[in-house]
């Protein structure tokens, strides 16, 4: 039987787990910690890297019913690696784009966050994509988990950007998040498609 008191104690004793839980619950205090503590950088980098690996698995035609046959050629491995690199690149470019536009074009505060602060915040904001792991199991639909993860991730990104860039306007927050959500993948996807076609 699950001991909730013990589970709560573990969460309280581990800042990393606590930050993951806060991000999933869309609490802004996790971004206050990410903004203040530069020591949280490794944790913030670990999450996008883990998400990149998970998404790298999903682009290879992964079949939860036949895991071994999902990776039956060297091409599948290359596609996986490209998927990981592409996902990390999307996160970096999205963060840079949000920083540039948010600070230079849509800024409403004299207090500007640094690029490092925004990177740590957007790194933690990718936590909801962990739900994609469920889609790798036979009894969950991968596409459904990808959709849920993307919506949840978008909401977490809005909370992160609003807090770190000191936005009062929900409109500015939504516009900036949506711009990164749509534009960056559209820029990278054609290049990814060309590489995949070359390998195949």
Foldseek 3Di string as FASTA:
>chain_A
DDDVVVVVVVLVVDVLSVLLVCLLVLHLVSLVCLQPDLVCLVSLVVQLLVLQLLQLLVVQVADLVCRPVSPDDVLSVVSSVLSSVLSVVLLVVLLVQLLCCLVPPVQPDPDAGDSSSSSSQLSSLLSLLVQLVVCSHPVDPNVVSNVRSVVSSLSSQLSNSCVRSVDPDSVVSNVSSVCSVPPSCVVCVVVSVVVSVVSD
